[in-house]
């Protein structure tokens, strides 16, 4: 729809890519464009939570907004895993 609104003609070979936050957008776009996409390459998207990022996400924080954003981000990664990786369940990722 956006391409049509902008009068951009999409060819038969559509490639989608993005880096960092664009990786999330590339995954979303690939999912919603479906069979129109020939290949997709999301790079360093929301699944890249290693090292310093992970320790920061798990650290205690006195600021409510920081805690809420961290919880949202962790939940988004879990939701993405459960819905896109066969066999992954919430019970595998979180404990009561």
C-alpha atoms as a PDB file:
ATOM      1  CA  UNK A   1       0.000   0.000   0.000  1.00  0.00           C
ATOM      2  CA  UNK A   2       2.736   2.533   0.853  1.00  0.00           C
ATOM      3  CA  UNK A   3       4.555   1.888  -2.423  1.00  0.00           C
ATOM      4  CA  UNK A   4       1.319   2.438  -4.330  1.00  0.00           C
ATOM      5  CA  UNK A   5       0.591   5.629  -2.393  1.00  0.00           C
ATOM      6  CA  UNK A   6       4.046   6.923  -3.303  1.00  0.00           C
ATOM      7  CA  UNK A   7       3.658   5.689  -6.902  1.00  0.00           C
ATOM      8  CA  UNK A   8       6.625   3.350  -6.555  1.00  0.00           C
ATOM      9  CA  UNK A   9       6.511   0.227  -8.703  1.00  0.00           C
ATOM     10  CA  UNK A  10       7.806  -2.844  -6.878  1.00  0.00           C
ATOM     11  CA  UNK A  11       9.567  -5.338  -9.116  1.00  0.00           C
ATOM     12  CA  UNK A  12       9.275  -9.100  -8.889  1.00  0.00           C
ATOM     13  CA  UNK A  13      12.546  -9.369  -6.921  1.00  0.00           C
ATOM     14  CA  UNK A  14      11.940  -7.483  -3.675  1.00  0.00           C
ATOM     15  CA  UNK A  15      14.716  -7.621  -1.059  1.00  0.00           C
ATOM     16  CA  UNK A  16      14.239  -6.320   2.479  1.00  0.00           C
ATOM     17  CA  UNK A  17      17.087  -5.466   4.845  1.00  0.00           C
ATOM     18  CA  UNK A  18      17.667  -3.387   7.948  1.00  0.00           C
ATOM     19  CA  UNK A  19      20.232  -2.913  10.694  1.00  0.00           C
ATOM     20  CA  UNK A  20      19.781  -2.366  14.425  1.00  0.00           C
ATOM     21  CA  UNK A  21      16.257  -0.955  14.945  1.00  0.00           C
ATOM     22  CA  UNK A  22      15.859  -1.348  11.181  1.00  0.00           C
ATOM     23  CA  UNK A  23      16.294  -5.104  11.714  1.00  0.00           C
ATOM     24  CA  UNK A  24      12.994  -5.128  13.574  1.00  0.00           C
ATOM     25  CA  UNK A  25      11.354  -3.155  10.772  1.00  0.00           C
ATOM     26  CA  UNK A  26      12.835  -5.521   8.169  1.00  0.00           C
ATOM     27  CA  UNK A  27      11.371  -8.542  10.010  1.00  0.00           C
ATOM     28  CA  UNK A  28       7.991  -6.838  10.299  1.00  0.00           C
ATOM     29  CA  UNK A  29       8.034  -5.822   6.643  1.00  0.00           C
ATOM     30  CA  UNK A  30       9.025  -9.297   5.488  1.00  0.00           C
ATOM     31  CA  UNK A  31       6.239 -10.860   7.496  1.00  0.00           C
ATOM     32  CA  UNK A  32       3.593  -8.478   6.191  1.00  0.00           C
ATOM     33  CA  UNK A  33       4.739  -8.445   2.570  1.00  0.00           C
ATOM     34  CA  UNK A  34       4.751 -12.255   2.511  1.00  0.00           C
ATOM     35  CA  UNK A  35       5.354 -13.883  -0.851  1.00  0.00           C
ATOM     36  CA  UNK A  36       6.282 -10.560  -2.484  1.00  0.00           C
ATOM     37  CA  UNK A  37       9.701 -10.722  -0.743  1.00  0.00           C
ATOM     38  CA  UNK A  38      12.384 -12.757  -2.496  1.00  0.00           C
ATOM     39  CA  UNK A  39      14.873 -12.493   0.401  1.00  0.00           C
ATOM     40  CA  UNK A  40      15.207 -10.755   3.758  1.00  0.00           C
ATOM     41  CA  UNK A  41      18.299  -9.874   5.795  1.00  0.00           C
ATOM     42  CA  UNK A  42      17.510  -8.289   9.159  1.00  0.00           C
ATOM     43  CA  UNK A  43      20.846  -7.575  10.869  1.00  0.00           C
ATOM     44  CA  UNK A  44      21.497  -7.106  14.559  1.00  0.00           C
ATOM     45  CA  UNK A  45      17.813  -6.824  15.277  1.00  0.00           C
ATOM     46  CA  UNK A  46      15.895  -7.277  18.528  1.00  0.00           C
ATOM     47  CA  UNK A  47      17.362 -10.763  18.990  1.00  0.00           C
ATOM     48  CA  UNK A  48      20.875  -9.413  19.688  1.00  0.00           C
ATOM     49  CA  UNK A  49      20.863  -9.226  23.495  1.00  0.00           C
ATOM     50  CA  UNK A  50      24.295 -10.454  24.553  1.00  0.00           C
ATOM     51  CA  UNK A  51      27.045  -9.121  26.748  1.00  0.00           C
ATOM     52  CA  UNK A  52      26.511  -5.665  28.160  1.00  0.00           C
ATOM     53  CA  UNK A  53      22.949  -5.290  26.921  1.00  0.00           C
ATOM     54  CA  UNK A  54      21.839  -8.432  28.725  1.00  0.00           C
ATOM     55  CA  UNK A  55      23.496  -7.479  32.028  1.00  0.00           C
ATOM     56  CA  UNK A  56      21.932  -4.004  31.794  1.00  0.00           C
ATOM     57  CA  UNK A  57      18.486  -5.489  31.097  1.00  0.00           C
ATOM     58  CA  UNK A  58      18.740  -7.720  34.150  1.00  0.00           C
ATOM     59  CA  UNK A  59      20.189  -5.077  36.503  1.00  0.00           C
ATOM     60  CA  UNK A  60      17.946  -3.556  39.161  1.00  0.00           C
ATOM     61  CA  UNK A  61      16.858  -0.017  38.412  1.00  0.00           C
ATOM     62  CA  UNK A  62      15.174   2.467  40.746  1.00  0.00           C
ATOM     63  CA  UNK A  63      13.554   4.380  37.873  1.00  0.00           C
ATOM     64  CA  UNK A  64      10.085   2.982  37.153  1.00  0.00           C
ATOM     65  CA  UNK A  65      10.170   3.920  33.463  1.00  0.00           C
ATOM     66  CA  UNK A  66      13.517   2.144  32.950  1.00  0.00           C
ATOM     67  CA  UNK A  67      12.162  -0.983  34.639  1.00  0.00           C
ATOM     68  CA  UNK A  68       8.990  -0.869  32.541  1.00  0.00           C
ATOM     69  CA  UNK A  69      10.953  -0.453  29.298  1.00  0.00           C
ATOM     70  CA  UNK A  70      13.291  -3.297  30.204  1.00  0.00           C
ATOM     71  CA  UNK A  71      10.329  -5.541  30.986  1.00  0.00           C
ATOM     72  CA  UNK A  72       8.681  -4.615  27.694  1.00  0.00           C
ATOM     73  CA  UNK A  73      11.860  -5.333  25.713  1.00  0.00           C
ATOM     74  CA  UNK A  74      12.398  -8.719  27.377  1.00  0.00           C
ATOM     75  CA  UNK A  75       8.735  -9.592  26.777  1.00  0.00           C
ATOM     76  CA  UNK A  76       8.977  -8.550  23.112  1.00  0.00           C
ATOM     77  CA  UNK A  77      12.000 -10.810  22.573  1.00  0.00           C
ATOM     78  CA  UNK A  78      10.197 -13.712  24.287  1.00  0.00           C
ATOM     79  CA  UNK A  79       7.024 -13.140  22.263  1.00  0.00           C
ATOM     80  CA  UNK A  80       9.053 -13.064  19.059  1.00  0.00           C
ATOM     81  CA  UNK A  81      10.811 -16.313  19.971  1.00  0.00           C
ATOM     82  CA  UNK A  82       7.617 -18.136  20.898  1.00  0.00           C
ATOM     83  CA  UNK A  83       5.857 -17.048  17.715  1.00  0.00           C
ATOM     84  CA  UNK A  84       8.735 -17.523  15.279  1.00  0.00           C
ATOM     85  CA  UNK A  85      10.898 -20.398  16.533  1.00  0.00           C
ATOM     86  CA  UNK A  86       9.258 -23.840  16.450  1.00  0.00           C
ATOM     87  CA  UNK A  87       9.216 -25.552  19.833  1.00  0.00           C
ATOM     88  CA  UNK A  88       9.974 -22.488  21.972  1.00  0.00           C
ATOM     89  CA  UNK A  89       7.451 -21.971  24.764  1.00  0.00           C
ATOM     90  CA  UNK A  90       7.036 -19.203  27.333  1.00  0.00           C
ATOM     91  CA  UNK A  91       7.609 -21.808  30.043  1.00  0.00           C
ATOM     92  CA  UNK A  92      11.109 -22.359  28.611  1.00  0.00           C
ATOM     93  CA  UNK A  93      11.935 -18.662  28.910  1.00  0.00           C
ATOM     94  CA  UNK A  94      10.310 -17.565  32.186  1.00  0.00           C
ATOM     95  CA  UNK A  95       9.880 -19.097  35.607  1.00  0.00           C
ATOM     96  CA  UNK A  96       7.032 -18.233  37.974  1.00  0.00           C
END
